[in-house]
């Protein structure tokens, strides 16, 4: 009685094993394929979300830049109105010259230059920070007056731009090959990002 029961048990075990194999293998294959497909779908969804997030951040940055650019252009108009409030034009006093140690804002190379004194009415512009500081107090932005020097360079003869060393950028110049210089000397305004003294700014010239 024991031997037949044992044999029957072994046959049942084999049948169960075969049945389990036939059932589990397809289930495992289906599970693997499902997980693989799910993983790919998840990665695709994550990439889509990341792309959407990056696009939103870019759009926000672009809007912010446009707002700042419009503010700078508006500030420039205010500065222009303020400049000619005390006089109708800039007076160039050729026989009174101001000496500067002119430094290339990119290379730091320095050379001594002299420029004629500029005035509007009784207000001195060259080497005097009264006007640029008044503009900053009024609109909050930085302000600079440039005078053209030899070599088609634009010298900051008055500015409230503060460099990384904590000093005003007076005496630094924009070289001839700068897009800013090229636009200004072509009698066109310049709008956009520009390197100023030792950092990048949103500007209007």
C-alpha atoms as a PDB file:
ATOM      1  CA  UNK A   1       0.000   0.000   0.000  1.00  0.00           C
ATOM      2  CA  UNK A   2       2.840   2.320   0.710  1.00  0.00           C
ATOM      3  CA  UNK A   3       4.635   1.813  -2.631  1.00  0.00           C
ATOM      4  CA  UNK A   4       1.646   2.561  -4.918  1.00  0.00           C
ATOM      5  CA  UNK A   5       0.811   5.644  -2.825  1.00  0.00           C
ATOM      6  CA  UNK A   6       4.377   6.862  -3.119  1.00  0.00           C
ATOM      7  CA  UNK A   7       4.403   6.246  -6.855  1.00  0.00           C
ATOM      8  CA  UNK A   8       1.137   8.082  -7.252  1.00  0.00           C
ATOM      9  CA  UNK A   9       2.554  10.976  -5.272  1.00  0.00           C
ATOM     10  CA  UNK A  10       5.551  11.237  -7.583  1.00  0.00           C
ATOM     11  CA  UNK A  11       3.325  11.216 -10.645  1.00  0.00           C
ATOM     12  CA  UNK A  12       1.197  13.974  -9.127  1.00  0.00           C
ATOM     13  CA  UNK A  13       4.300  15.951  -8.319  1.00  0.00           C
ATOM     14  CA  UNK A  14       5.476  15.615 -11.901  1.00  0.00           C
ATOM     15  CA  UNK A  15       2.078  16.642 -13.232  1.00  0.00           C
ATOM     16  CA  UNK A  16       1.986  19.631 -10.884  1.00  0.00           C
ATOM     17  CA  UNK A  17       5.523  20.595 -11.894  1.00  0.00           C
ATOM     18  CA  UNK A  18       4.725  20.378 -15.596  1.00  0.00           C
ATOM     19  CA  UNK A  19       1.483  22.308 -15.096  1.00  0.00           C
ATOM     20  CA  UNK A  20       3.221  24.971 -13.068  1.00  0.00           C
ATOM     21  CA  UNK A  21       5.957  25.237 -15.712  1.00  0.00           C
ATOM     22  CA  UNK A  22       3.410  25.561 -18.509  1.00  0.00           C
ATOM     23  CA  UNK A  23       1.524  28.233 -16.571  1.00  0.00           C
ATOM     24  CA  UNK A  24       4.369  30.160 -14.945  1.00  0.00           C
ATOM     25  CA  UNK A  25       6.678  30.479 -17.959  1.00  0.00           C
ATOM     26  CA  UNK A  26       4.082  32.340 -20.083  1.00  0.00           C
ATOM     27  CA  UNK A  27       3.142  34.422 -17.043  1.00  0.00           C
ATOM     28  CA  UNK A  28       6.780  35.331 -16.455  1.00  0.00           C
ATOM     29  CA  UNK A  29       7.216  36.203 -20.140  1.00  0.00           C
ATOM     30  CA  UNK A  30       4.086  38.343 -20.092  1.00  0.00           C
ATOM     31  CA  UNK A  31       5.239  40.008 -16.847  1.00  0.00           C
ATOM     32  CA  UNK A  32       8.698  40.728 -18.313  1.00  0.00           C
ATOM     33  CA  UNK A  33       7.264  42.184 -21.499  1.00  0.00           C
ATOM     34  CA  UNK A  34       4.755  44.234 -19.517  1.00  0.00           C
ATOM     35  CA  UNK A  35       7.448  45.570 -17.202  1.00  0.00           C
ATOM     36  CA  UNK A  36       9.702  46.382 -20.153  1.00  0.00           C
ATOM     37  CA  UNK A  37       6.891  48.186 -21.946  1.00  0.00           C
ATOM     38  CA  UNK A  38       5.915  49.973 -18.737  1.00  0.00           C
ATOM     39  CA  UNK A  39       9.515  51.027 -18.175  1.00  0.00           C
ATOM     40  CA  UNK A  40       9.782  52.438 -21.678  1.00  0.00           C
ATOM     41  CA  UNK A  41       6.450  54.246 -21.280  1.00  0.00           C
ATOM     42  CA  UNK A  42       7.612  55.635 -17.946  1.00  0.00           C
ATOM     43  CA  UNK A  43      10.900  56.861 -19.429  1.00  0.00           C
ATOM     44  CA  UNK A  44       9.054  58.427 -22.359  1.00  0.00           C
ATOM     45  CA  UNK A  45       6.604  60.150 -20.000  1.00  0.00           C
ATOM     46  CA  UNK A  46       9.497  61.404 -17.848  1.00  0.00           C
ATOM     47  CA  UNK A  47      11.309  62.753 -20.917  1.00  0.00           C
ATOM     48  CA  UNK A  48       8.104  64.432 -22.110  1.00  0.00           C
ATOM     49  CA  UNK A  49       7.596  66.011 -18.689  1.00  0.00           C
ATOM     50  CA  UNK A  50      11.216  67.161 -18.576  1.00  0.00           C
ATOM     51  CA  UNK A  51      10.964  68.631 -22.073  1.00  0.00           C
ATOM     52  CA  UNK A  52       7.761  70.425 -21.103  1.00  0.00           C
ATOM     53  CA  UNK A  53       9.392  71.729 -17.913  1.00  0.00           C
ATOM     54  CA  UNK A  54      12.447  72.999 -19.812  1.00  0.00           C
ATOM     55  CA  UNK A  55      10.216  74.729 -22.373  1.00  0.00           C
ATOM     56  CA  UNK A  56       8.260  76.422 -19.596  1.00  0.00           C
ATOM     57  CA  UNK A  57      11.440  77.579 -17.851  1.00  0.00           C
ATOM     58  CA  UNK A  58      12.825  78.889 -21.155  1.00  0.00           C
ATOM     59  CA  UNK A  59       9.572  80.753 -21.852  1.00  0.00           C
ATOM     60  CA  UNK A  60       9.622  82.275 -18.360  1.00  0.00           C
ATOM     61  CA  UNK A  61      13.251  83.364 -18.775  1.00  0.00           C
ATOM     62  CA  UNK A  62      12.483  84.870 -22.172  1.00  0.00           C
ATOM     63  CA  UNK A  63       9.529  86.828 -20.797  1.00  0.00           C
ATOM     64  CA  UNK A  64      11.657  88.008 -17.878  1.00  0.00           C
ATOM     65  CA  UNK A  65      14.436  89.124 -20.218  1.00  0.00           C
ATOM     66  CA  UNK A  66      11.972  90.998 -22.415  1.00  0.00           C
ATOM     67  CA  UNK A  67      10.544  92.755 -19.365  1.00  0.00           C
ATOM     68  CA  UNK A  68      14.011  93.776 -18.195  1.00  0.00           C
ATOM     69  CA  UNK A  69      14.955  94.878 -21.724  1.00  0.00           C
ATOM     70  CA  UNK A  70      11.842  97.049 -21.991  1.00  0.00           C
ATOM     71  CA  UNK A  71      12.609  98.554 -18.578  1.00  0.00           C
ATOM     72  CA  UNK A  72      16.171  99.398 -19.648  1.00  0.00           C
ATOM     73  CA  UNK A  73      14.959 101.045 -22.875  1.00  0.00           C
ATOM     74  CA  UNK A  74      12.447 103.053 -20.854  1.00  0.00           C
ATOM     75  CA  UNK A  75      15.192 104.070 -18.400  1.00  0.00           C
ATOM     76  CA  UNK A  76      17.311 105.279 -21.309  1.00  0.00           C
ATOM     77  CA  UNK A  77      14.470 107.551 -22.485  1.00  0.00           C
ATOM     78  CA  UNK A  78      14.159 108.959 -18.968  1.00  0.00           C
ATOM     79  CA  UNK A  79      17.923 109.577 -18.864  1.00  0.00           C
ATOM     80  CA  UNK A  80      17.752 111.363 -22.210  1.00  0.00           C
ATOM     81  CA  UNK A  81      14.931 113.620 -21.002  1.00  0.00           C
ATOM     82  CA  UNK A  82      16.784 114.323 -17.775  1.00  0.00           C
ATOM     83  CA  UNK A  83      20.044 115.055 -19.572  1.00  0.00           C
ATOM     84  CA  UNK A  84      18.630 117.879 -21.652  1.00  0.00           C
ATOM     85  CA  UNK A  85      16.471 119.352 -18.924  1.00  0.00           C
ATOM     86  CA  UNK A  86      19.110 122.004 -18.147  1.00  0.00           C
ATOM     87  CA  UNK A  87      20.317 122.563 -21.719  1.00  0.00           C
ATOM     88  CA  UNK A  88      19.381 121.827 -25.305  1.00  0.00           C
ATOM     89  CA  UNK A  89      22.697 120.235 -26.313  1.00  0.00           C
ATOM     90  CA  UNK A  90      26.032 118.931 -25.109  1.00  0.00           C
ATOM     91  CA  UNK A  91      28.748 121.577 -25.121  1.00  0.00           C
ATOM     92  CA  UNK A  92      32.221 120.280 -26.000  1.00  0.00           C
ATOM     93  CA  UNK A  93      34.958 122.377 -24.347  1.00  0.00           C
ATOM     94  CA  UNK A  94      37.945 121.476 -26.529  1.00  0.00           C
ATOM     95  CA  UNK A  95      40.478 123.620 -24.648  1.00  0.00           C
ATOM     96  CA  UNK A  96      39.688 121.929 -21.354  1.00  0.00           C
ATOM     97  CA  UNK A  97      40.703 118.289 -21.416  1.00  0.00           C
ATOM     98  CA  UNK A  98      40.346 115.525 -18.847  1.00  0.00           C
ATOM     99  CA  UNK A  99      42.977 112.798 -18.581  1.00  0.00           C
ATOM    100  CA  UNK A 100      42.084 109.135 -18.037  1.00  0.00           C
ATOM    101  CA  UNK A 101      44.054 105.916 -17.632  1.00  0.00           C
ATOM    102  CA  UNK A 102      41.899 104.116 -20.217  1.00  0.00           C
ATOM    103  CA  UNK A 103      41.634 100.368 -19.609  1.00  0.00           C
ATOM    104  CA  UNK A 104      40.330  97.819 -22.087  1.00  0.00           C
ATOM    105  CA  UNK A 105      37.415  96.167 -20.263  1.00  0.00           C
ATOM    106  CA  UNK A 106      38.283  92.771 -21.780  1.00  0.00           C
ATOM    107  CA  UNK A 107      42.068  92.654 -21.551  1.00  0.00           C
ATOM    108  CA  UNK A 108      42.785  95.209 -18.816  1.00  0.00           C
ATOM    109  CA  UNK A 109      45.440  96.816 -21.042  1.00  0.00           C
ATOM    110  CA  UNK A 110      45.833 100.488 -20.051  1.00  0.00           C
ATOM    111  CA  UNK A 111      46.903 103.623 -21.913  1.00  0.00           C
ATOM    112  CA  UNK A 112      46.602 107.296 -20.989  1.00  0.00           C
ATOM    113  CA  UNK A 113      44.183 109.381 -23.045  1.00  0.00           C
ATOM    114  CA  UNK A 114      42.629 112.810 -22.742  1.00  0.00           C
ATOM    115  CA  UNK A 115      39.150 113.868 -23.818  1.00  0.00           C
ATOM    116  CA  UNK A 116      37.471 117.275 -24.059  1.00  0.00           C
ATOM    117  CA  UNK A 117      35.196 118.334 -21.236  1.00  0.00           C
ATOM    118  CA  UNK A 118      31.480 117.820 -21.883  1.00  0.00           C
ATOM    119  CA  UNK A 119      28.765 119.963 -20.326  1.00  0.00           C
ATOM    120  CA  UNK A 120      25.007 120.372 -20.595  1.00  0.00           C
ATOM    121  CA  UNK A 121      24.092 123.857 -19.419  1.00  0.00           C
ATOM    122  CA  UNK A 122      26.064 124.309 -16.201  1.00  0.00           C
ATOM    123  CA  UNK A 123      26.262 120.570 -15.467  1.00  0.00           C
ATOM    124  CA  UNK A 124      29.637 118.934 -16.097  1.00  0.00           C
ATOM    125  CA  UNK A 125      29.396 115.401 -17.504  1.00  0.00           C
ATOM    126  CA  UNK A 126      32.997 114.301 -18.068  1.00  0.00           C
ATOM    127  CA  UNK A 127      34.454 112.810 -14.910  1.00  0.00           C
ATOM    128  CA  UNK A 128      31.439 113.937 -12.876  1.00  0.00           C
ATOM    129  CA  UNK A 129      29.014 111.366 -11.449  1.00  0.00           C
ATOM    130  CA  UNK A 130      26.197 113.771 -10.560  1.00  0.00           C
ATOM    131  CA  UNK A 131      24.070 113.005 -13.616  1.00  0.00           C
ATOM    132  CA  UNK A 132      24.525 109.207 -13.708  1.00  0.00           C
ATOM    133  CA  UNK A 133      23.787 108.950  -9.989  1.00  0.00           C
ATOM    134  CA  UNK A 134      20.675 111.090 -10.405  1.00  0.00           C
ATOM    135  CA  UNK A 135      19.445 108.743 -13.130  1.00  0.00           C
ATOM    136  CA  UNK A 136      20.074 105.715 -10.923  1.00  0.00           C
ATOM    137  CA  UNK A 137      18.242 107.306  -8.013  1.00  0.00           C
ATOM    138  CA  UNK A 138      15.290 107.998 -10.303  1.00  0.00           C
ATOM    139  CA  UNK A 139      14.937 104.729 -12.255  1.00  0.00           C
ATOM    140  CA  UNK A 140      17.140 102.261 -10.370  1.00  0.00           C
ATOM    141  CA  UNK A 141      19.299 101.168 -13.324  1.00  0.00           C
ATOM    142  CA  UNK A 142      22.970 101.802 -13.922  1.00  0.00           C
ATOM    143  CA  UNK A 143      23.940 104.662 -16.225  1.00  0.00           C
ATOM    144  CA  UNK A 144      27.074 105.542 -18.197  1.00  0.00           C
ATOM    145  CA  UNK A 145      28.266 108.404 -20.398  1.00  0.00           C
ATOM    146  CA  UNK A 146      30.721 107.436 -23.131  1.00  0.00           C
ATOM    147  CA  UNK A 147      33.094 109.584 -25.129  1.00  0.00           C
ATOM    148  CA  UNK A 148      34.728 108.365 -28.305  1.00  0.00           C
ATOM    149  CA  UNK A 149      38.506 108.126 -28.201  1.00  0.00           C
ATOM    150  CA  UNK A 150      41.182 107.328 -30.777  1.00  0.00           C
ATOM    151  CA  UNK A 151      40.851 103.923 -32.352  1.00  0.00           C
ATOM    152  CA  UNK A 152      37.042 104.080 -32.419  1.00  0.00           C
ATOM    153  CA  UNK A 153      36.784 103.081 -28.772  1.00  0.00           C
ATOM    154  CA  UNK A 154      34.063 104.145 -26.330  1.00  0.00           C
ATOM    155  CA  UNK A 155      35.468 105.433 -23.031  1.00  0.00           C
ATOM    156  CA  UNK A 156      33.370 105.538 -19.877  1.00  0.00           C
ATOM    157  CA  UNK A 157      33.940 109.091 -18.701  1.00  0.00           C
ATOM    158  CA  UNK A 158      31.158 108.889 -16.102  1.00  0.00           C
ATOM    159  CA  UNK A 159      29.407 105.802 -14.759  1.00  0.00           C
ATOM    160  CA  UNK A 160      27.816 104.227 -11.714  1.00  0.00           C
ATOM    161  CA  UNK A 161      28.558 100.676 -12.875  1.00  0.00           C
ATOM    162  CA  UNK A 162      30.435  99.081  -9.986  1.00  0.00           C
ATOM    163  CA  UNK A 163      32.990  96.414 -10.874  1.00  0.00           C
ATOM    164  CA  UNK A 164      33.777  93.264  -8.913  1.00  0.00           C
ATOM    165  CA  UNK A 165      36.544  95.130  -7.105  1.00  0.00           C
ATOM    166  CA  UNK A 166      33.941  97.542  -5.693  1.00  0.00           C
ATOM    167  CA  UNK A 167      35.060 100.509  -7.809  1.00  0.00           C
ATOM    168  CA  UNK A 168      33.274 102.491 -10.500  1.00  0.00           C
ATOM    169  CA  UNK A 169      34.100 101.511 -14.066  1.00  0.00           C
ATOM    170  CA  UNK A 170      35.112 105.075 -14.984  1.00  0.00           C
ATOM    171  CA  UNK A 171      38.079 105.003 -17.366  1.00  0.00           C
ATOM    172  CA  UNK A 172      37.305 101.599 -18.869  1.00  0.00           C
ATOM    173  CA  UNK A 173      36.514 101.445 -22.569  1.00  0.00           C
ATOM    174  CA  UNK A 174      34.673  99.242 -25.049  1.00  0.00           C
ATOM    175  CA  UNK A 175      37.050  98.254 -27.889  1.00  0.00           C
ATOM    176  CA  UNK A 176      36.382  98.856 -31.578  1.00  0.00           C
ATOM    177  CA  UNK A 177      35.485  95.246 -32.394  1.00  0.00           C
ATOM    178  CA  UNK A 178      32.641  95.082 -29.867  1.00  0.00           C
ATOM    179  CA  UNK A 179      29.119  94.790 -31.357  1.00  0.00           C
ATOM    180  CA  UNK A 180      28.132  97.699 -29.099  1.00  0.00           C
ATOM    181  CA  UNK A 181      30.798  99.988 -30.537  1.00  0.00           C
ATOM    182  CA  UNK A 182      30.040  98.960 -34.098  1.00  0.00           C
ATOM    183  CA  UNK A 183      26.321  99.706 -33.715  1.00  0.00           C
ATOM    184  CA  UNK A 184      26.830 103.044 -31.962  1.00  0.00           C
ATOM    185  CA  UNK A 185      29.423 104.298 -34.458  1.00  0.00           C
ATOM    186  CA  UNK A 186      27.058 103.269 -37.269  1.00  0.00           C
ATOM    187  CA  UNK A 187      24.501 105.622 -35.636  1.00  0.00           C
ATOM    188  CA  UNK A 188      22.257 102.756 -34.587  1.00  0.00           C
ATOM    189  CA  UNK A 189      20.991 101.886 -31.095  1.00  0.00           C
ATOM    190  CA  UNK A 190      22.184  98.719 -29.411  1.00  0.00           C
ATOM    191  CA  UNK A 191      19.786  96.619 -27.364  1.00  0.00           C
ATOM    192  CA  UNK A 192      20.453  93.332 -25.580  1.00  0.00           C
ATOM    193  CA  UNK A 193      23.110  91.540 -23.559  1.00  0.00           C
ATOM    194  CA  UNK A 194      26.492  93.211 -23.362  1.00  0.00           C
ATOM    195  CA  UNK A 195      29.672  92.832 -21.348  1.00  0.00           C
ATOM    196  CA  UNK A 196      29.953  95.859 -19.068  1.00  0.00           C
ATOM    197  CA  UNK A 197      33.239  96.503 -17.191  1.00  0.00           C
ATOM    198  CA  UNK A 198      33.555  92.922 -15.875  1.00  0.00           C
ATOM    199  CA  UNK A 199      30.108  91.336 -16.016  1.00  0.00           C
ATOM    200  CA  UNK A 200      27.123  90.741 -18.307  1.00  0.00           C
ATOM    201  CA  UNK A 201      24.140  93.097 -18.336  1.00  0.00           C
ATOM    202  CA  UNK A 202      20.880  93.665 -20.216  1.00  0.00           C
ATOM    203  CA  UNK A 203      21.580  97.009 -21.891  1.00  0.00           C
ATOM    204  CA  UNK A 204      20.382  99.825 -24.087  1.00  0.00           C
ATOM    205  CA  UNK A 205      22.876 102.186 -25.738  1.00  0.00           C
END
